[in-house]
Protein backbone atom coordinates (compact mmCIF):
# COMPACT_ATOMS: atom_id res chain seq x y z
CA MET A 1 -3.99 -32.21 -16.17
CA SER A 2 -1.36 -29.42 -16.69
CA ALA A 3 -1.14 -26.41 -14.50
CA THR A 4 -2.47 -24.25 -17.42
CA GLU A 5 -5.50 -26.53 -17.79
CA SER A 6 -6.06 -26.50 -14.08
CA ALA A 7 -5.84 -22.73 -13.89
CA ALA A 8 -8.27 -22.44 -16.82
CA THR A 9 -10.80 -24.73 -15.15
CA ILE A 10 -10.66 -22.61 -12.02
CA ALA A 11 -10.56 -19.21 -13.76
CA PRO A 12 -14.32 -18.96 -14.45
CA GLN A 13 -15.08 -19.35 -10.74
CA LEU A 14 -12.16 -17.28 -9.54
CA PRO A 15 -13.37 -13.98 -7.95
CA PRO A 16 -11.42 -10.75 -8.54
CA PRO A 17 -8.73 -9.92 -6.04
CA SER A 18 -9.85 -8.64 -2.67
CA THR A 19 -8.97 -5.06 -1.77
CA HIS A 20 -6.03 -6.33 0.27
CA GLN A 21 -4.74 -8.67 -2.48
CA LEU A 22 -4.96 -5.86 -5.06
CA ALA A 23 -3.23 -3.48 -2.75
CA LEU A 24 -0.29 -5.95 -2.26
CA MET A 25 -0.17 -6.64 -5.98
CA ILE A 26 0.01 -2.90 -6.77
CA TRP A 27 2.71 -2.34 -4.20
CA VAL A 28 4.71 -5.26 -5.51
CA ALA A 29 4.46 -3.76 -9.01
CA VAL A 30 4.93 0.01 -8.13
CA PHE A 31 7.70 0.05 -5.57
CA PRO A 32 10.36 -1.77 -7.62
CA THR A 33 9.40 0.08 -10.83
CA LEU A 34 9.76 3.47 -9.14
CA THR A 35 12.95 2.42 -7.41
CA ALA A 36 14.52 1.25 -10.72
CA LEU A 37 13.33 4.46 -12.53
CA ASN A 38 14.81 6.63 -9.76
CA LEU A 39 18.09 4.80 -9.96
CA PHE A 40 18.36 5.00 -13.75
CA LEU A 41 16.87 8.42 -14.24
CA GLY A 42 17.94 10.10 -11.00
CA PRO A 43 21.13 11.55 -12.48
CA VAL A 44 19.35 12.73 -15.63
CA LEU A 45 16.47 14.40 -13.69
CA ASP A 46 18.79 15.89 -11.00
CA GLY A 47 17.81 19.52 -10.50
CA THR A 48 14.45 19.06 -12.14
CA PRO A 49 11.55 20.53 -10.01
CA SER A 50 9.94 17.82 -7.92
CA VAL A 51 6.47 18.19 -9.57
CA LEU A 52 8.04 17.81 -13.08
CA ARG A 53 10.16 14.94 -11.90
CA THR A 54 7.09 13.14 -10.46
CA LEU A 55 5.19 13.76 -13.68
CA ILE A 56 8.04 12.23 -15.77
CA LEU A 57 8.39 9.25 -13.50
CA ALA A 58 4.64 8.59 -13.30
CA THR A 59 4.35 8.88 -17.08
CA ILE A 60 6.94 6.14 -17.52
CA ALA A 61 5.97 3.98 -14.49
CA VAL A 62 2.12 3.69 -15.04
CA PRO A 63 2.31 1.91 -18.48
CA ILE A 64 5.06 -0.37 -17.19
CA VAL A 65 2.95 -1.39 -14.15
CA ILE A 66 -0.41 -1.55 -15.90
CA TYR A 67 0.60 -3.23 -19.16
CA GLY A 68 3.68 -5.06 -18.08
CA ILE A 69 3.67 -6.11 -14.38
CA MET A 70 0.04 -6.32 -13.33
CA PRO A 71 -1.00 -8.92 -16.04
CA TRP A 72 1.90 -11.09 -14.84
CA LEU A 73 0.90 -10.68 -11.23
CA HIS A 74 -2.76 -11.62 -12.03
CA ARG A 75 -1.51 -14.71 -13.82
CA ALA A 76 0.68 -15.53 -10.89
CA ARG A 77 -2.23 -15.11 -8.48
CA ARG A 78 -4.44 -17.31 -10.66
CA ALA A 79 -1.65 -20.01 -10.74
CA ILE A 80 -1.24 -19.83 -6.95
CA ILE A 81 -4.95 -20.23 -6.35
CA ALA A 82 -5.12 -23.11 -8.80
CA ARG A 83 -2.19 -24.81 -7.04
CA ILE A 84 -3.86 -24.39 -3.57
CA ALA A 85 -7.18 -25.74 -4.98
CA ARG A 86 -5.41 -28.71 -6.61
CA ARG A 87 -3.63 -29.56 -3.28
CA ARG A 88 -6.90 -29.25 -1.27
CA SER A 89 -8.65 -31.59 -3.71
CA LEU A 90 -5.87 -34.08 -3.46
CA ARG A 91 -6.08 -33.98 0.34
CA ALA A 92 -9.80 -34.52 0.17
CA GLN A 93 -9.50 -37.78 -1.77
């Protein structure tokens, strides 16, 4: 059984992330995204009022996080849980 098949067999019974897991996943997605955007756009947005700067950065960061990074993190979480479940089932044999 491949890792994809194993993850697919566990997926129906996989609960959504806990509040703490989701908070960690969001932090892992948001912090590097905002850091990179600040590094790349900092010189361009220099002198921009802070509220406008925040609006611009949030407008760019939110789609990157929601459509780009979070789906990848959910797949990674599912794969990690499948790997843990597979190891537990091997130990039980």
